[in-house]
Structure formats: structure tokens, C-alpha cells
């Protein structure tokens, strides 16, 4: 059996923790949800005002 020689003299690469991909995707969707709700609330409030005017 041939074993690979140990790499004692070579420095190890620094460990970098990966950020979870789900967290970044969730953050983007939260921003989209907030923007969607803001626009939807604006549209519904305008619609409500128009319906009140028509009812009079």
C-alpha cells in the first residue's frame, strides 16, 4: 500500500464559515413581502375610498 506523505510543513488554509443560503434568500423574500404589502395596502385604501364615494 502506498500512503500519501504527510503535509506537515504546509500551512493549512484558514477556515471560513459559510453563510447559509436559505437566510439570504429569506431576507430577500421578506423585503419583497414588505414591499408587496405596502403597495397592496395603498391600492386597497384607494379602492375603499372610491367605493365610499360611489356609495354616497
Protein backbone atom coordinates (compact mmCIF):
# COMPACT_ATOMS: atom_id res chain seq x y z
CA UNK A 1 0.00 0.00 0.00
CA UNK A 2 1.24 3.43 -0.83
CA UNK A 3 0.33 6.21 1.55
CA UNK A 4 0.49 9.88 0.72
CA UNK A 5 3.26 11.70 2.56
CA UNK A 6 2.02 13.90 5.37
CA UNK A 7 2.00 17.62 4.70
CA UNK A 8 3.43 18.84 7.98
CA UNK A 9 5.33 21.80 6.60
CA UNK A 10 2.46 23.21 4.53
CA UNK A 11 0.23 25.76 6.29
CA UNK A 12 -3.44 24.97 6.46
CA UNK A 13 -5.93 27.22 4.75
CA UNK A 14 -7.92 29.38 7.16
CA UNK A 15 -11.42 28.16 7.89
CA UNK A 16 -14.17 30.39 6.61
CA UNK A 17 -17.66 29.64 7.82
CA UNK A 18 -20.24 29.54 5.06
CA UNK A 19 -23.33 31.67 5.39
CA UNK A 20 -26.49 29.63 4.94
CA UNK A 21 -28.03 30.26 1.53
CA UNK A 22 -31.53 29.98 2.97
CA UNK A 23 -31.04 33.01 5.21
CA UNK A 24 -30.09 35.28 2.33
CA UNK A 25 -32.97 34.04 0.21
CA UNK A 26 -35.37 34.51 3.11
CA UNK A 27 -34.12 38.06 3.63
CA UNK A 28 -34.79 38.93 0.03
CA UNK A 29 -38.26 37.45 0.13
CA UNK A 30 -39.03 39.37 3.33
CA UNK A 31 -38.12 42.60 1.58
CA UNK A 32 -40.34 41.66 -1.35
CA UNK A 33 -43.18 40.75 1.01
CA UNK A 34 -42.87 44.10 2.81
CA UNK A 35 -42.88 45.97 -0.49
CA UNK A 36 -45.84 43.93 -1.74
CA UNK A 37 -47.83 44.62 1.42
CA UNK A 38 -47.09 48.34 1.23
CA UNK A 39 -48.30 48.52 -2.37
CA UNK A 40 -51.32 46.29 -1.70
CA UNK A 41 -52.34 48.42 1.31
CA UNK A 42 -52.12 51.55 -0.81
CA UNK A 43 -54.26 50.02 -3.56
CA UNK A 44 -56.85 48.69 -1.11
CA UNK A 45 -57.12 52.04 0.67
CA UNK A 46 -57.69 53.81 -2.67
CA UNK A 47 -60.27 51.19 -3.62
CA UNK A 48 -62.04 51.62 -0.30
CA UNK A 49 -62.21 55.41 -0.77
CA UNK A 50 -63.64 55.01 -4.27
CA UNK A 51 -66.28 52.56 -3.04
CA UNK A 52 -67.30 55.02 -0.30
CA UNK A 53 -67.63 57.80 -2.88
CA UNK A 54 -69.75 55.58 -5.13
CA UNK A 55 -71.97 54.55 -2.22
CA UNK A 56 -72.90 58.18 -1.46
